[in-house]
């Protein structure tokens, strides 16, 4: 079962996504902050990271920049940004930093998110 790290400062969202991923056959890991996420990435080596941008202490872009890198493919593990920000500037920055995809909270289709996760962990 692939390990999926959910990084978001909102507990209810982490729980909801955790249940969603568990039902789909994945093992969710959870972090409420950037430093906690980086520690989990080093220790547990998840197969994919769902990463919020707007977090206190260390935002999602700082986490993305601090992650280990795969020489040809950007961040290791792959990252899907899952955030409330829908502006093009943040989307562009996420792409520049190597995010594999970008979903806006409240507007995305959960089926499409799951499909993208499955593609990236295959």
PDB file of N, CA and C in Angstrom:
ATOM      1  N   UNK A   1       0.840  -1.181   0.000  1.00  0.00           N
ATOM      2  CA  UNK A   1       0.000   0.000   0.000  1.00  0.00           C
ATOM      3  C   UNK A   1       0.884   1.244   0.000  1.00  0.00           C
ATOM      4  N   UNK A   2       0.730   2.101  -0.996  1.00  0.00           N
ATOM      5  CA  UNK A   2       1.545   3.313  -1.058  1.00  0.00           C
ATOM      6  C   UNK A   2       1.319   4.231   0.149  1.00  0.00           C
ATOM      7  N   UNK A   3       2.409   4.819   0.615  1.00  0.00           N
ATOM      8  CA  UNK A   3       2.354   5.804   1.703  1.00  0.00           C
ATOM      9  C   UNK A   3       2.145   7.183   1.101  1.00  0.00           C
ATOM     10  N   UNK A   4       1.093   7.867   1.540  1.00  0.00           N
ATOM     11  CA  UNK A   4       0.793   9.215   1.055  1.00  0.00           C
ATOM     12  C   UNK A   4       0.857  10.165   2.250  1.00  0.00           C
ATOM     13  N   UNK A   5       1.742  11.147   2.180  1.00  0.00           N
ATOM     14  CA  UNK A   5       1.871  12.134   3.245  1.00  0.00           C
ATOM     15  C   UNK A   5       0.964  13.322   2.951  1.00  0.00           C
ATOM     16  N   UNK A   6       0.079  13.627   3.896  1.00  0.00           N
ATOM     17  CA  UNK A   6      -0.839  14.768   3.801  1.00  0.00           C
ATOM     18  C   UNK A   6      -0.273  15.867   4.691  1.00  0.00           C
ATOM     19  N   UNK A   7       0.064  17.012   4.096  1.00  0.00           N
ATOM     20  CA  UNK A   7       0.649  18.120   4.848  1.00  0.00           C
ATOM     21  C   UNK A   7      -0.302  19.302   4.790  1.00  0.00           C
ATOM     22  N   UNK A   8      -0.934  19.591   5.917  1.00  0.00           N
ATOM     23  CA  UNK A   8      -1.888  20.699   5.991  1.00  0.00           C
ATOM     24  C   UNK A   8      -2.048  21.071   7.454  1.00  0.00           C
ATOM     25  N   UNK A   9      -2.196  22.358   7.736  1.00  0.00           N
ATOM     26  CA  UNK A   9      -2.347  22.796   9.119  1.00  0.00           C
ATOM     27  C   UNK A   9      -3.783  22.660   9.630  1.00  0.00           C
ATOM     28  N   UNK A  10      -4.711  22.223   8.783  1.00  0.00           N
ATOM     29  CA  UNK A  10      -6.113  22.061   9.176  1.00  0.00           C
ATOM     30  C   UNK A  10      -6.384  20.582   9.479  1.00  0.00           C
ATOM     31  N   UNK A  11      -6.605  20.286  10.756  1.00  0.00           N
ATOM     32  CA  UNK A  11      -6.798  18.912  11.205  1.00  0.00           C
ATOM     33  C   UNK A  11      -7.957  18.220  10.501  1.00  0.00           C
ATOM     34  N   UNK A  12      -9.094  18.881  10.376  1.00  0.00           N
ATOM     35  CA  UNK A  12     -10.262  18.254   9.753  1.00  0.00           C
ATOM     36  C   UNK A  12      -9.977  17.843   8.308  1.00  0.00           C
ATOM     37  N   UNK A  13      -9.244  18.656   7.589  1.00  0.00           N
ATOM     38  CA  UNK A  13      -8.907  18.319   6.206  1.00  0.00           C
ATOM     39  C   UNK A  13      -7.961  17.117   6.168  1.00  0.00           C
ATOM     40  N   UNK A  14      -6.977  17.096   7.056  1.00  0.00           N
ATOM     41  CA  UNK A  14      -6.070  15.942   7.113  1.00  0.00           C
ATOM     42  C   UNK A  14      -6.849  14.659   7.379  1.00  0.00           C
ATOM     43  N   UNK A  15      -7.767  14.720   8.323  1.00  0.00           N
ATOM     44  CA  UNK A  15      -8.568  13.531   8.655  1.00  0.00           C
ATOM     45  C   UNK A  15      -9.433  13.086   7.473  1.00  0.00           C
ATOM     46  N   UNK A  16     -10.094  14.049   6.824  1.00  0.00           N
ATOM     47  CA  UNK A  16     -10.954  13.724   5.693  1.00  0.00           C
ATOM     48  C   UNK A  16     -10.144  13.081   4.564  1.00  0.00           C
ATOM     49  N   UNK A  17      -9.018  13.676   4.230  1.00  0.00           N
ATOM     50  CA  UNK A  17      -8.180  13.120   3.174  1.00  0.00           C
ATOM     51  C   UNK A  17      -7.613  11.761   3.587  1.00  0.00           C
ATOM     52  N   UNK A  18      -7.279  11.610   4.845  1.00  0.00           N
ATOM     53  CA  UNK A  18      -6.773  10.334   5.334  1.00  0.00           C
ATOM     54  C   UNK A  18      -7.790   9.221   5.155  1.00  0.00           C
ATOM     55  N   UNK A  19      -9.043   9.483   5.494  1.00  0.00           N
ATOM     56  CA  UNK A  19     -10.105   8.481   5.311  1.00  0.00           C
ATOM     57  C   UNK A  19     -10.310   8.169   3.834  1.00  0.00           C
ATOM     58  N   UNK A  20     -10.314   9.210   3.022  1.00  0.00           N
ATOM     59  CA  UNK A  20     -10.485   9.057   1.573  1.00  0.00           C
ATOM     60  C   UNK A  20      -9.385   8.170   0.993  1.00  0.00           C
ATOM     61  N   UNK A  21      -8.133   8.436   1.385  1.00  0.00           N
ATOM     62  CA  UNK A  21      -7.012   7.660   0.859  1.00  0.00           C
ATOM     63  C   UNK A  21      -7.012   6.231   1.399  1.00  0.00           C
ATOM     64  N   UNK A  22      -7.386   6.065   2.659  1.00  0.00           N
ATOM     65  CA  UNK A  22      -7.461   4.717   3.240  1.00  0.00           C
ATOM     66  C   UNK A  22      -8.472   3.854   2.490  1.00  0.00           C
ATOM     67  N   UNK A  23      -9.624   4.430   2.193  1.00  0.00           N
ATOM     68  CA  UNK A  23     -10.658   3.687   1.459  1.00  0.00           C
ATOM     69  C   UNK A  23     -10.188   3.308   0.059  1.00  0.00           C
ATOM     70  N   UNK A  24      -9.263   4.090  -0.487  1.00  0.00           N
ATOM     71  CA  UNK A  24      -8.736   3.819  -1.826  1.00  0.00           C
ATOM     72  C   UNK A  24      -7.548   2.863  -1.792  1.00  0.00           C
ATOM     73  N   UNK A  25      -7.184   2.387  -0.596  1.00  0.00           N
ATOM     74  CA  UNK A  25      -6.109   1.415  -0.491  1.00  0.00           C
ATOM     75  C   UNK A  25      -4.733   1.982  -0.238  1.00  0.00           C
ATOM     76  N   UNK A  26      -4.667   3.234   0.167  1.00  0.00           N
ATOM     77  CA  UNK A  26      -3.380   3.871   0.472  1.00  0.00           C
ATOM     78  C   UNK A  26      -3.209   3.983   1.989  1.00  0.00           C
ATOM     79  N   UNK A  27      -1.984   4.178   2.403  1.00  0.00           N
ATOM     80  CA  UNK A  27      -1.694   4.387   3.814  1.00  0.00           C
ATOM     81  C   UNK A  27      -1.364   5.863   4.016  1.00  0.00           C
ATOM     82  N   UNK A  28      -2.250   6.605   4.683  1.00  0.00           N
ATOM     83  CA  UNK A  28      -1.978   8.032   4.881  1.00  0.00           C
ATOM     84  C   UNK A  28      -1.049   8.277   6.071  1.00  0.00           C
ATOM     85  N   UNK A  29      -0.161   9.225   5.890  1.00  0.00           N
ATOM     86  CA  UNK A  29       0.660   9.789   6.959  1.00  0.00           C
ATOM     87  C   UNK A  29       0.244  11.243   7.041  1.00  0.00           C
ATOM     88  N   UNK A  30       0.368  11.855   8.211  1.00  0.00           N
ATOM     89  CA  UNK A  30      -0.089  13.230   8.349  1.00  0.00           C
ATOM     90  C   UNK A  30       0.932  14.101   9.039  1.00  0.00           C
ATOM     91  N   UNK A  31       1.025  15.339   8.542  1.00  0.00           N
ATOM     92  CA  UNK A  31       1.886  16.343   9.154  1.00  0.00           C
ATOM     93  C   UNK A  31       1.126  17.660   9.155  1.00  0.00           C
ATOM     94  N   UNK A  32       1.258  18.411  10.250  1.00  0.00           N
ATOM     95  CA  UNK A  32       0.555  19.699  10.336  1.00  0.00           C
ATOM     96  C   UNK A  32       1.458  20.883  10.049  1.00  0.00           C
ATOM     97  N   UNK A  33       2.744  20.630   9.800  1.00  0.00           N
ATOM     98  CA  UNK A  33       3.665  21.731   9.539  1.00  0.00           C
ATOM     99  C   UNK A  33       4.752  21.289   8.559  1.00  0.00           C
ATOM    100  N   UNK A  34       5.416  22.283   7.999  1.00  0.00           N
ATOM    101  CA  UNK A  34       6.509  21.996   7.078  1.00  0.00           C
ATOM    102  C   UNK A  34       7.654  21.224   7.714  1.00  0.00           C
ATOM    103  N   UNK A  35       8.163  21.675   8.873  1.00  0.00           N
ATOM    104  CA  UNK A  35       9.258  20.928   9.499  1.00  0.00           C
ATOM    105  C   UNK A  35       8.876  19.481   9.823  1.00  0.00           C
ATOM    106  N   UNK A  36       7.657  19.264  10.291  1.00  0.00           N
ATOM    107  CA  UNK A  36       7.202  17.906  10.573  1.00  0.00           C
ATOM    108  C   UNK A  36       7.159  17.090   9.276  1.00  0.00           C
ATOM    109  N   UNK A  37       6.694  17.698   8.196  1.00  0.00           N
ATOM    110  CA  UNK A  37       6.630  17.006   6.904  1.00  0.00           C
ATOM    111  C   UNK A  37       8.017  16.586   6.441  1.00  0.00           C
ATOM    112  N   UNK A  38       8.977  17.474   6.538  1.00  0.00           N
ATOM    113  CA  UNK A  38      10.335  17.147   6.092  1.00  0.00           C
ATOM    114  C   UNK A  38      10.936  16.017   6.912  1.00  0.00           C
ATOM    115  N   UNK A  39      10.653  16.000   8.207  1.00  0.00           N
ATOM    116  CA  UNK A  39      11.140  14.905   9.056  1.00  0.00           C
ATOM    117  C   UNK A  39      10.515  13.577   8.633  1.00  0.00           C
ATOM    118  N   UNK A  40       9.228  13.586   8.343  1.00  0.00           N
ATOM    119  CA  UNK A  40       8.547  12.358   7.912  1.00  0.00           C
ATOM    120  C   UNK A  40       9.082  11.901   6.558  1.00  0.00           C
ATOM    121  N   UNK A  41       9.330  12.834   5.662  1.00  0.00           N
ATOM    122  CA  UNK A  41       9.871  12.481   4.341  1.00  0.00           C
ATOM    123  C   UNK A  41      11.224  11.795   4.507  1.00  0.00           C
ATOM    124  N   UNK A  42      12.070  12.323   5.377  1.00  0.00           N
ATOM    125  CA  UNK A  42      13.395  11.715   5.606  1.00  0.00           C
ATOM    126  C   UNK A  42      13.278  10.339   6.258  1.00  0.00           C
ATOM    127  N   UNK A  43      12.394  10.217   7.243  1.00  0.00           N
ATOM    128  CA  UNK A  43      12.303   8.984   8.027  1.00  0.00           C
ATOM    129  C   UNK A  43      11.469   7.894   7.367  1.00  0.00           C
ATOM    130  N   UNK A  44      10.326   8.252   6.816  1.00  0.00           N
ATOM    131  CA  UNK A  44       9.373   7.247   6.320  1.00  0.00           C
ATOM    132  C   UNK A  44       9.395   7.074   4.801  1.00  0.00           C
ATOM    133  N   UNK A  45       9.956   8.035   4.087  1.00  0.00           N
ATOM    134  CA  UNK A  45      10.047   7.995   2.629  1.00  0.00           C
ATOM    135  C   UNK A  45       8.699   7.673   1.961  1.00  0.00           C
ATOM    136  N   UNK A  46       7.721   8.575   2.095  1.00  0.00           N
ATOM    137  CA  UNK A  46       6.409   8.334   1.480  1.00  0.00           C
ATOM    138  C   UNK A  46       6.523   8.267  -0.043  1.00  0.00           C
ATOM    139  N   UNK A  47       5.517   7.673  -0.654  1.00  0.00           N
ATOM    140  CA  UNK A  47       5.489   7.534  -2.107  1.00  0.00           C
ATOM    141  C   UNK A  47       4.995   8.801  -2.798  1.00  0.00           C
ATOM    142  N   UNK A  48       4.282   9.662  -2.059  1.00  0.00           N
ATOM    143  CA  UNK A  48       3.731  10.889  -2.626  1.00  0.00           C
ATOM    144  C   UNK A  48       3.384  11.835  -1.486  1.00  0.00           C
ATOM    145  N   UNK A  49       3.423  13.139  -1.769  1.00  0.00           N
ATOM    146  CA  UNK A  49       3.076  14.157  -0.778  1.00  0.00           C
ATOM    147  C   UNK A  49       1.946  15.027  -1.327  1.00  0.00           C
ATOM    148  N   UNK A  50       0.885  15.180  -0.532  1.00  0.00           N
ATOM    149  CA  UNK A  50      -0.156  16.181  -0.791  1.00  0.00           C
ATOM    150  C   UNK A  50       0.193  17.368   0.087  1.00  0.00           C
ATOM    151  N   UNK A  51       0.472  18.515  -0.513  1.00  0.00           N
ATOM    152  CA  UNK A  51       1.070  19.634   0.210  1.00  0.00           C
ATOM    153  C   UNK A  51       0.263  20.917   0.075  1.00  0.00           C
ATOM    154  N   UNK A  52      -0.118  21.476   1.214  1.00  0.00           N
ATOM    155  CA  UNK A  52      -0.784  22.785   1.261  1.00  0.00           C
ATOM    156  C   UNK A  52       0.267  23.873   1.086  1.00  0.00           C
ATOM    157  N   UNK A  53      -0.147  25.039   0.625  1.00  0.00           N
ATOM    158  CA  UNK A  53       0.773  26.168   0.514  1.00  0.00           C
ATOM    159  C   UNK A  53       0.702  27.037   1.758  1.00  0.00           C
ATOM    160  N   UNK A  54      -0.497  27.458   2.146  1.00  0.00           N
ATOM    161  CA  UNK A  54      -0.665  28.427   3.217  1.00  0.00           C
ATOM    162  C   UNK A  54      -0.610  27.803   4.599  1.00  0.00           C
ATOM    163  N   UNK A  55       0.593  27.691   5.140  1.00  0.00           N
ATOM    164  CA  UNK A  55       0.770  27.143   6.491  1.00  0.00           C
ATOM    165  C   UNK A  55       1.680  28.080   7.278  1.00  0.00           C
ATOM    166  N   UNK A  56       1.478  28.155   8.590  1.00  0.00           N
ATOM    167  CA  UNK A  56       2.375  28.972   9.407  1.00  0.00           C
ATOM    168  C   UNK A  56       3.736  28.298   9.540  1.00  0.00           C
ATOM    169  N   UNK A  57       4.697  29.029   9.970  1.00  0.00           N
ATOM    170  CA  UNK A  57       6.054  28.550  10.248  1.00  0.00           C
ATOM    171  C   UNK A  57       6.859  28.304   8.976  1.00  0.00           C
ATOM    172  N   UNK A  58       6.327  27.512   8.067  1.00  0.00           N
ATOM    173  CA  UNK A  58       7.025  27.182   6.822  1.00  0.00           C
ATOM    174  C   UNK A  58       5.955  26.880   5.783  1.00  0.00           C
ATOM    175  N   UNK A  59       5.875  27.684   4.726  1.00  0.00           N
ATOM    176  CA  UNK A  59       4.811  27.448   3.756  1.00  0.00           C
ATOM    177  C   UNK A  59       5.160  26.290   2.819  1.00  0.00           C
ATOM    178  N   UNK A  60       4.192  25.903   2.010  1.00  0.00           N
ATOM    179  CA  UNK A  60       4.385  24.767   1.120  1.00  0.00           C
ATOM    180  C   UNK A  60       5.508  24.945   0.122  1.00  0.00           C
ATOM    181  N   UNK A  61       5.722  26.170  -0.342  1.00  0.00           N
ATOM    182  CA  UNK A  61       6.825  26.412  -1.278  1.00  0.00           C
ATOM    183  C   UNK A  61       8.174  26.173  -0.595  1.00  0.00           C
ATOM    184  N   UNK A  62       8.297  26.594   0.658  1.00  0.00           N
ATOM    185  CA  UNK A  62       9.542  26.361   1.392  1.00  0.00           C
ATOM    186  C   UNK A  62       9.773  24.867   1.613  1.00  0.00           C
ATOM    187  N   UNK A  63       8.706  24.138   1.866  1.00  0.00           N
ATOM    188  CA  UNK A  63       8.819  22.677   2.011  1.00  0.00           C
ATOM    189  C   UNK A  63       9.281  22.076   0.685  1.00  0.00           C
ATOM    190  N   UNK A  64       8.647  22.487  -0.381  1.00  0.00           N
ATOM    191  CA  UNK A  64       8.990  21.980  -1.713  1.00  0.00           C
ATOM    192  C   UNK A  64      10.457  22.256  -2.047  1.00  0.00           C
ATOM    193  N   UNK A  65      10.919  23.446  -1.716  1.00  0.00           N
ATOM    194  CA  UNK A  65      12.320  23.796  -1.980  1.00  0.00           C
ATOM    195  C   UNK A  65      13.291  22.978  -1.130  1.00  0.00           C
ATOM    196  N   UNK A  66      12.882  22.591   0.075  1.00  0.00           N
ATOM    197  CA  UNK A  66      13.763  21.870   1.000  1.00  0.00           C
ATOM    198  C   UNK A  66      13.742  20.355   0.797  1.00  0.00           C
ATOM    199  N   UNK A  67      12.834  19.871  -0.021  1.00  0.00           N
ATOM    200  CA  UNK A  67      12.721  18.423  -0.214  1.00  0.00           C
ATOM    201  C   UNK A  67      13.905  17.867  -0.993  1.00  0.00           C
ATOM    202  N   UNK A  68      14.213  16.581  -0.771  1.00  0.00           N
ATOM    203  CA  UNK A  68      15.249  15.939  -1.580  1.00  0.00           C
ATOM    204  C   UNK A  68      14.846  15.982  -3.052  1.00  0.00           C
ATOM    205  N   UNK A  69      15.813  15.964  -3.918  1.00  0.00           N
ATOM    206  CA  UNK A  69      15.555  16.075  -5.362  1.00  0.00           C
ATOM    207  C   UNK A  69      15.989  14.814  -6.094  1.00  0.00           C
ATOM    208  N   UNK A  70      15.163  14.426  -7.052  1.00  0.00           N
ATOM    209  CA  UNK A  70      15.539  13.383  -7.990  1.00  0.00           C
ATOM    210  C   UNK A  70      16.115  14.122  -9.185  1.00  0.00           C
ATOM    211  N   UNK A  71      17.315  13.767  -9.643  1.00  0.00           N
ATOM    212  CA  UNK A  71      17.989  14.562 -10.681  1.00  0.00           C
ATOM    213  C   UNK A  71      17.139  14.904 -11.899  1.00  0.00           C
ATOM    214  N   UNK A  72      16.325  13.981 -12.384  1.00  0.00           N
ATOM    215  CA  UNK A  72      15.576  14.244 -13.614  1.00  0.00           C
ATOM    216  C   UNK A  72      14.133  14.660 -13.372  1.00  0.00           C
ATOM    217  N   UNK A  73      13.587  14.367 -12.198  1.00  0.00           N
ATOM    218  CA  UNK A  73      12.153  14.519 -12.022  1.00  0.00           C
ATOM    219  C   UNK A  73      11.721  15.511 -10.958  1.00  0.00           C
ATOM    220  N   UNK A  74      12.612  16.303 -10.402  1.00  0.00           N
ATOM    221  CA  UNK A  74      12.193  17.256  -9.383  1.00  0.00           C
ATOM    222  C   UNK A  74      12.141  16.632  -8.004  1.00  0.00           C
ATOM    223  N   UNK A  75      11.173  17.044  -7.186  1.00  0.00           N
ATOM    224  CA  UNK A  75      11.121  16.578  -5.796  1.00  0.00           C
ATOM    225  C   UNK A  75      10.970  15.059  -5.697  1.00  0.00           C
ATOM    226  N   UNK A  76      11.549  14.525  -4.673  1.00  0.00           N
ATOM    227  CA  UNK A  76      11.448  13.098  -4.409  1.00  0.00           C
ATOM    228  C   UNK A  76      11.002  12.924  -2.971  1.00  0.00           C
ATOM    229  N   UNK A  77       9.797  12.481  -2.731  1.00  0.00           N
ATOM    230  CA  UNK A  77       8.784  11.922  -3.627  1.00  0.00           C
ATOM    231  C   UNK A  77       8.044  13.002  -4.413  1.00  0.00           C
ATOM    232  N   UNK A  78       7.222  12.570  -5.394  1.00  0.00           N
ATOM    233  CA  UNK A  78       6.427  13.549  -6.134  1.00  0.00           C
ATOM    234  C   UNK A  78       5.450  14.280  -5.209  1.00  0.00           C
ATOM    235  N   UNK A  79       5.111  15.509  -5.616  1.00  0.00           N
ATOM    236  CA  UNK A  79       4.261  16.381  -4.795  1.00  0.00           C
ATOM    237  C   UNK A  79       3.059  16.855  -5.606  1.00  0.00           C
ATOM    238  N   UNK A  80       1.886  16.755  -4.989  1.00  0.00           N
ATOM    239  CA  UNK A  80       0.683  17.386  -5.520  1.00  0.00           C
ATOM    240  C   UNK A  80       0.325  18.504  -4.551  1.00  0.00           C
ATOM    241  N   UNK A  81       0.266  19.714  -5.058  1.00  0.00           N
ATOM    242  CA  UNK A  81      -0.157  20.846  -4.238  1.00  0.00           C
ATOM    243  C   UNK A  81      -1.676  20.767  -4.107  1.00  0.00           C
ATOM    244  N   UNK A  82      -2.160  20.892  -2.882  1.00  0.00           N
ATOM    245  CA  UNK A  82      -3.601  20.874  -2.600  1.00  0.00           C
ATOM    246  C   UNK A  82      -3.852  22.080  -1.701  1.00  0.00           C
ATOM    247  N   UNK A  83      -4.345  23.159  -2.305  1.00  0.00           N
ATOM    248  CA  UNK A  83      -4.351  24.445  -1.621  1.00  0.00           C
ATOM    249  C   UNK A  83      -5.600  25.254  -1.923  1.00  0.00           C
ATOM    250  N   UNK A  84      -5.843  26.264  -1.121  1.00  0.00           N
ATOM    251  CA  UNK A  84      -6.972  27.163  -1.344  1.00  0.00           C
ATOM    252  C   UNK A  84      -6.646  28.239  -2.377  1.00  0.00           C
ATOM    253  N   UNK A  85      -5.375  28.400  -2.714  1.00  0.00           N
ATOM    254  CA  UNK A  85      -4.959  29.446  -3.642  1.00  0.00           C
ATOM    255  C   UNK A  85      -5.177  29.004  -5.088  1.00  0.00           C
ATOM    256  N   UNK A  86      -5.901  29.824  -5.840  1.00  0.00           N
ATOM    257  CA  UNK A  86      -6.213  29.468  -7.222  1.00  0.00           C
ATOM    258  C   UNK A  86      -5.549  30.391  -8.245  1.00  0.00           C
ATOM    259  N   UNK A  87      -4.688  31.283  -7.793  1.00  0.00           N
ATOM    260  CA  UNK A  87      -4.101  32.233  -8.736  1.00  0.00           C
ATOM    261  C   UNK A  87      -2.974  31.606  -9.551  1.00  0.00           C
ATOM    262  N   UNK A  88      -2.799  32.139 -10.740  1.00  0.00           N
ATOM    263  CA  UNK A  88      -1.799  31.623 -11.663  1.00  0.00           C
ATOM    264  C   UNK A  88      -0.371  31.772 -11.184  1.00  0.00           C
ATOM    265  N   UNK A  89      -0.078  32.812 -10.417  1.00  0.00           N
ATOM    266  CA  UNK A  89       1.290  33.019  -9.948  1.00  0.00           C
ATOM    267  C   UNK A  89       1.744  31.879  -9.041  1.00  0.00           C
ATOM    268  N   UNK A  90       0.873  31.443  -8.142  1.00  0.00           N
ATOM    269  CA  UNK A  90       1.239  30.331  -7.248  1.00  0.00           C
ATOM    270  C   UNK A  90       1.322  29.016  -8.019  1.00  0.00           C
ATOM    271  N   UNK A  91       0.401  28.809  -8.947  1.00  0.00           N
ATOM    272  CA  UNK A  91       0.457  27.617  -9.785  1.00  0.00           C
ATOM    273  C   UNK A  91       1.783  27.577 -10.540  1.00  0.00           C
ATOM    274  N   UNK A  92       2.170  28.693 -11.122  1.00  0.00           N
ATOM    275  CA  UNK A  92       3.415  28.773 -11.875  1.00  0.00           C
ATOM    276  C   UNK A  92       4.625  28.490 -10.968  1.00  0.00           C
ATOM    277  N   UNK A  93       4.621  29.068  -9.784  1.00  0.00           N
ATOM    278  CA  UNK A  93       5.736  28.836  -8.852  1.00  0.00           C
ATOM    279  C   UNK A  93       5.810  27.357  -8.457  1.00  0.00           C
ATOM    280  N   UNK A  94       4.668  26.732  -8.196  1.00  0.00           N
ATOM    281  CA  UNK A  94       4.646  25.309  -7.851  1.00  0.00           C
ATOM    282  C   UNK A  94       5.228  24.477  -8.988  1.00  0.00           C
ATOM    283  N   UNK A  95       4.870  24.819 -10.212  1.00  0.00           N
ATOM    284  CA  UNK A  95       5.405  24.098 -11.368  1.00  0.00           C
ATOM    285  C   UNK A  95       6.916  24.301 -11.476  1.00  0.00           C
ATOM    286  N   UNK A  96       7.366  25.532 -11.277  1.00  0.00           N
ATOM    287  CA  UNK A  96       8.809  25.816 -11.335  1.00  0.00           C
ATOM    288  C   UNK A  96       9.585  25.019 -10.295  1.00  0.00           C
ATOM    289  N   UNK A  97       8.979  24.811  -9.131  1.00  0.00           N
ATOM    290  CA  UNK A  97       9.643  24.081  -8.051  1.00  0.00           C
ATOM    291  C   UNK A  97       9.502  22.570  -8.192  1.00  0.00           C
ATOM    292  N   UNK A  98       8.801  22.128  -9.233  1.00  0.00           N
ATOM    293  CA  UNK A  98       8.743  20.704  -9.530  1.00  0.00           C
ATOM    294  C   UNK A  98       7.503  19.966  -9.076  1.00  0.00           C
ATOM    295  N   UNK A  99       6.467  20.675  -8.613  1.00  0.00           N
ATOM    296  CA  UNK A  99       5.234  19.980  -8.224  1.00  0.00           C
ATOM    297  C   UNK A  99       4.662  19.236  -9.430  1.00  0.00           C
ATOM    298  N   UNK A 100       4.156  18.055  -9.173  1.00  0.00           N
ATOM    299  CA  UNK A 100       3.605  17.228 -10.249  1.00  0.00           C
ATOM    300  C   UNK A 100       2.212  17.665 -10.674  1.00  0.00           C
ATOM    301  N   UNK A 101       1.469  18.277  -9.754  1.00  0.00           N
ATOM    302  CA  UNK A 101       0.125  18.739 -10.078  1.00  0.00           C
ATOM    303  C   UNK A 101      -0.317  19.760  -9.032  1.00  0.00           C
ATOM    304  N   UNK A 102      -1.473  20.384  -9.273  1.00  0.00           N
ATOM    305  CA  UNK A 102      -1.967  21.470  -8.435  1.00  0.00           C
ATOM    306  C   UNK A 102      -3.481  21.394  -8.411  1.00  0.00           C
ATOM    307  N   UNK A 103      -4.063  21.174  -7.248  1.00  0.00           N
ATOM    308  CA  UNK A 103      -5.514  21.117  -7.083  1.00  0.00           C
ATOM    309  C   UNK A 103      -5.946  22.194  -6.100  1.00  0.00           C
ATOM    310  N   UNK A 104      -7.071  22.846  -6.394  1.00  0.00           N
ATOM    311  CA  UNK A 104      -7.597  23.894  -5.531  1.00  0.00           C
ATOM    312  C   UNK A 104      -8.668  23.296  -4.628  1.00  0.00           C
ATOM    313  N   UNK A 105      -8.487  23.465  -3.314  1.00  0.00           N
ATOM    314  CA  UNK A 105      -9.437  22.935  -2.327  1.00  0.00           C
ATOM    315  C   UNK A 105     -10.830  23.477  -2.607  1.00  0.00           C
ATOM    316  N   UNK A 106     -11.813  22.611  -2.445  1.00  0.00           N
ATOM    317  CA  UNK A 106     -13.195  23.033  -2.594  1.00  0.00           C
ATOM    318  C   UNK A 106     -13.701  23.035  -4.021  1.00  0.00           C
ATOM    319  N   UNK A 107     -12.795  22.910  -4.997  1.00  0.00           N
ATOM    320  CA  UNK A 107     -13.243  22.940  -6.391  1.00  0.00           C
ATOM    321  C   UNK A 107     -12.819  21.711  -7.175  1.00  0.00           C
ATOM    322  N   UNK A 108     -11.985  20.862  -6.592  1.00  0.00           N
ATOM    323  CA  UNK A 108     -11.482  19.725  -7.356  1.00  0.00           C
ATOM    324  C   UNK A 108     -12.411  18.519  -7.257  1.00  0.00           C
ATOM    325  N   UNK A 109     -12.301  17.659  -8.244  1.00  0.00           N
ATOM    326  CA  UNK A 109     -13.043  16.400  -8.278  1.00  0.00           C
ATOM    327  C   UNK A 109     -12.194  15.353  -7.557  1.00  0.00           C
ATOM    328  N   UNK A 110     -12.690  14.782  -6.440  1.00  0.00           N
ATOM    329  CA  UNK A 110     -11.901  13.784  -5.708  1.00  0.00           C
ATOM    330  C   UNK A 110     -11.471  12.601  -6.583  1.00  0.00           C
ATOM    331  N   UNK A 111     -12.304  12.230  -7.539  1.00  0.00           N
ATOM    332  CA  UNK A 111     -11.951  11.142  -8.448  1.00  0.00           C
ATOM    333  C   UNK A 111     -10.725  11.481  -9.286  1.00  0.00           C
ATOM    334  N   UNK A 112     -10.646  12.729  -9.738  1.00  0.00           N
ATOM    335  CA  UNK A 112      -9.482  13.156 -10.528  1.00  0.00           C
ATOM    336  C   UNK A 112      -8.224  13.210  -9.667  1.00  0.00           C
ATOM    337  N   UNK A 113      -8.374  13.654  -8.416  1.00  0.00           N
ATOM    338  CA  UNK A 113      -7.229  13.658  -7.502  1.00  0.00           C
ATOM    339  C   UNK A 113      -6.732  12.231  -7.294  1.00  0.00           C
ATOM    340  N   UNK A 114      -7.628  11.318  -7.033  1.00  0.00           N
ATOM    341  CA  UNK A 114      -7.243   9.927  -6.815  1.00  0.00           C
ATOM    342  C   UNK A 114      -6.596   9.340  -8.070  1.00  0.00           C
ATOM    343  N   UNK A 115      -7.139   9.657  -9.224  1.00  0.00           N
ATOM    344  CA  UNK A 115      -6.561   9.184 -10.496  1.00  0.00           C
ATOM    345  C   UNK A 115      -5.122   9.683 -10.647  1.00  0.00           C
ATOM    346  N   UNK A 116      -4.902  10.938 -10.325  1.00  0.00           N
ATOM    347  CA  UNK A 116      -3.556  11.515 -10.446  1.00  0.00           C
ATOM    348  C   UNK A 116      -2.604  10.869  -9.433  1.00  0.00           C
ATOM    349  N   UNK A 117      -3.086  10.646  -8.227  1.00  0.00           N
ATOM    350  CA  UNK A 117      -2.263   9.969  -7.205  1.00  0.00           C
ATOM    351  C   UNK A 117      -1.857   8.590  -7.716  1.00  0.00           C
ATOM    352  N   UNK A 118      -2.831   7.849  -8.254  1.00  0.00           N
ATOM    353  CA  UNK A 118      -2.556   6.504  -8.754  1.00  0.00           C
ATOM    354  C   UNK A 118      -1.502   6.532  -9.871  1.00  0.00           C
ATOM    355  N   UNK A 119      -1.584   7.528 -10.749  1.00  0.00           N
ATOM    356  CA  UNK A 119      -0.592   7.652 -11.832  1.00  0.00           C
ATOM    357  C   UNK A 119       0.807   7.876 -11.264  1.00  0.00           C
ATOM    358  N   UNK A 120       0.902   8.713 -10.255  1.00  0.00           N
ATOM    359  CA  UNK A 120       2.210   9.086  -9.723  1.00  0.00           C
ATOM    360  C   UNK A 120       2.845   8.022  -8.836  1.00  0.00           C
ATOM    361  N   UNK A 121       2.034   7.171  -8.220  1.00  0.00           N
ATOM    362  CA  UNK A 121       2.615   6.137  -7.343  1.00  0.00           C
ATOM    363  C   UNK A 121       2.756   4.795  -8.058  1.00  0.00           C
ATOM    364  N   UNK A 122       2.306   4.726  -9.307  1.00  0.00           N
ATOM    365  CA  UNK A 122       2.387   3.461 -10.076  1.00  0.00           C
ATOM    366  C   UNK A 122       3.821   3.074 -10.361  1.00  0.00           C
TER     367      UNK A 122
END
